[in-house]
Amino acid sequence: MAELKYLPAGIRLHIKEAFYKFTNTLNETYYISFKDIPDGLQAEKILKHHNIPFKSIPVPDDIFKMCGVAIVADDYQHIVEILNKHNINTQVYIYQDNKPLKVY
């Protein structure tokens, strides 16, 4: 279970995900996940600083059953390149036939 200090971030991500689903605006292709919550939260800050368009949601259960952060975007290569420069490791998935397929 995630540490309690990450509870507010988890609540924020779940609210954002519900909003995206309700407004049908979660159409991006790639789901980028991280080894832990701190890396995911740091990735959000870095991408905002670089003005990279993305959405952040809780990592889908079929990618990782534990708590986590997922960045959802139309393109992953530039995002991965930026995050690698900050020593943040990522895994990238797309969904095919309603199942996640690892692409990076």
Protein backbone atom coordinates (compact mmCIF):
# COMPACT_ATOMS: atom_id res chain seq x y z
CA MET A 1 0.00 0.00 0.00
CA ALA A 2 1.20 3.49 -0.82
CA GLU A 3 2.40 5.71 1.96
CA LEU A 4 -0.15 8.08 3.48
CA LYS A 5 1.82 11.11 2.29
CA TYR A 6 0.81 10.20 -1.26
CA LEU A 7 -2.91 9.99 -0.44
CA PRO A 8 -3.70 13.57 -1.60
CA ALA A 9 -1.94 12.93 -4.91
CA GLY A 10 -3.90 9.69 -5.34
CA ILE A 11 -7.20 11.45 -4.68
CA ARG A 12 -6.27 14.19 -7.17
CA LEU A 13 -5.41 11.60 -9.83
CA HIS A 14 -8.66 9.66 -9.31
CA ILE A 15 -10.71 12.87 -9.57
CA LYS A 16 -8.90 13.83 -12.78
CA GLU A 17 -9.45 10.35 -14.23
CA ALA A 18 -13.17 10.49 -13.42
CA PHE A 19 -13.40 13.91 -15.08
CA TYR A 20 -11.59 12.70 -18.21
CA LYS A 21 -13.85 9.68 -18.47
CA PHE A 22 -17.00 11.73 -17.82
CA THR A 23 -16.06 14.28 -20.46
CA ASN A 24 -14.73 11.59 -22.81
CA THR A 25 -11.37 13.38 -23.08
CA LEU A 26 -9.06 10.47 -22.26
CA ASN A 27 -8.31 9.67 -25.89
CA GLU A 28 -4.52 9.62 -25.84
CA THR A 29 -2.76 6.51 -27.02
CA TYR A 30 0.23 5.91 -24.75
CA TYR A 31 0.28 5.12 -21.03
CA ILE A 32 3.62 5.83 -19.37
CA SER A 33 4.19 4.25 -15.96
CA PHE A 34 6.94 4.58 -13.37
CA LYS A 35 8.72 2.38 -10.84
CA ASP A 36 7.17 4.30 -7.94
CA ILE A 37 4.88 7.17 -7.01
CA PRO A 38 7.66 9.73 -6.36
CA ASP A 39 9.01 9.24 -9.91
CA GLY A 40 5.52 9.67 -11.36
CA LEU A 41 4.91 12.88 -9.40
CA GLN A 42 8.34 14.20 -10.37
CA ALA A 43 7.60 13.38 -14.02
CA GLU A 44 4.45 15.53 -13.83
CA LYS A 45 6.49 18.50 -12.62
CA ILE A 46 9.16 18.04 -15.26
CA LEU A 47 6.66 17.74 -18.11
CA LYS A 48 4.74 20.81 -16.92
CA HIS A 49 8.02 22.74 -16.81
CA HIS A 50 8.71 21.71 -20.44
CA ASN A 51 5.12 22.56 -21.51
CA ILE A 52 4.56 19.01 -22.75
CA PRO A 53 0.86 18.12 -23.19
CA PHE A 54 -0.19 15.12 -21.08
CA LYS A 55 -2.79 13.87 -18.67
CA SER A 56 -2.00 12.15 -15.40
CA ILE A 57 -4.18 9.42 -13.94
CA PRO A 58 -3.77 6.50 -11.54
CA VAL A 59 -1.91 3.71 -13.31
CA PRO A 60 -4.51 1.28 -14.72
CA ASP A 61 -4.83 -1.96 -12.75
CA ASP A 62 -4.12 -4.09 -15.80
CA ILE A 63 -0.72 -2.39 -16.15
CA PHE A 64 0.20 -2.39 -12.43
CA LYS A 65 -2.08 -3.57 -9.63
CA MET A 66 -0.51 -1.38 -6.94
CA CYS A 67 -0.88 2.38 -6.55
CA GLY A 68 0.96 4.50 -9.06
CA VAL A 69 0.95 7.38 -11.50
CA ALA A 70 0.47 7.09 -15.24
CA ILE A 71 1.12 9.80 -17.78
CA VAL A 72 -1.19 9.54 -20.76
CA ALA A 73 -0.11 11.22 -24.01
CA ASP A 74 -0.34 11.05 -27.80
CA ASP A 75 3.42 10.64 -28.22
CA TYR A 76 5.80 8.98 -25.82
CA GLN A 77 9.24 9.28 -27.42
CA HIS A 78 9.86 12.95 -26.56
CA ILE A 79 8.49 12.42 -23.03
CA VAL A 80 10.72 9.40 -22.42
CA GLU A 81 13.72 11.33 -23.75
CA ILE A 82 13.10 14.23 -21.35
CA LEU A 83 12.48 11.96 -18.37
CA ASN A 84 15.57 9.86 -19.09
CA LYS A 85 17.65 13.05 -18.87
CA HIS A 86 16.27 13.40 -15.32
CA ASN A 87 17.05 9.74 -14.49
CA ILE A 88 13.39 8.75 -14.38
CA ASN A 89 12.83 5.28 -15.81
CA THR A 90 9.59 4.58 -17.62
CA GLN A 91 7.57 1.83 -19.18
CA VAL A 92 5.21 2.63 -22.03
CA TYR A 93 2.04 0.76 -22.98
CA ILE A 94 -0.65 0.97 -25.62
CA TYR A 95 -3.96 -0.83 -25.51
CA GLN A 96 -4.79 -3.40 -28.16
CA ASP A 97 -7.96 -5.46 -27.87
CA ASN A 98 -8.53 -3.87 -24.43
CA LYS A 99 -5.23 -5.25 -23.13
CA PRO A 100 -2.02 -3.34 -22.41
CA LEU A 101 0.90 -4.05 -24.70
CA LYS A 102 4.34 -2.85 -23.63
CA VAL A 103 6.04 -0.82 -26.36
CA TYR A 104 8.98 0.58 -24.37
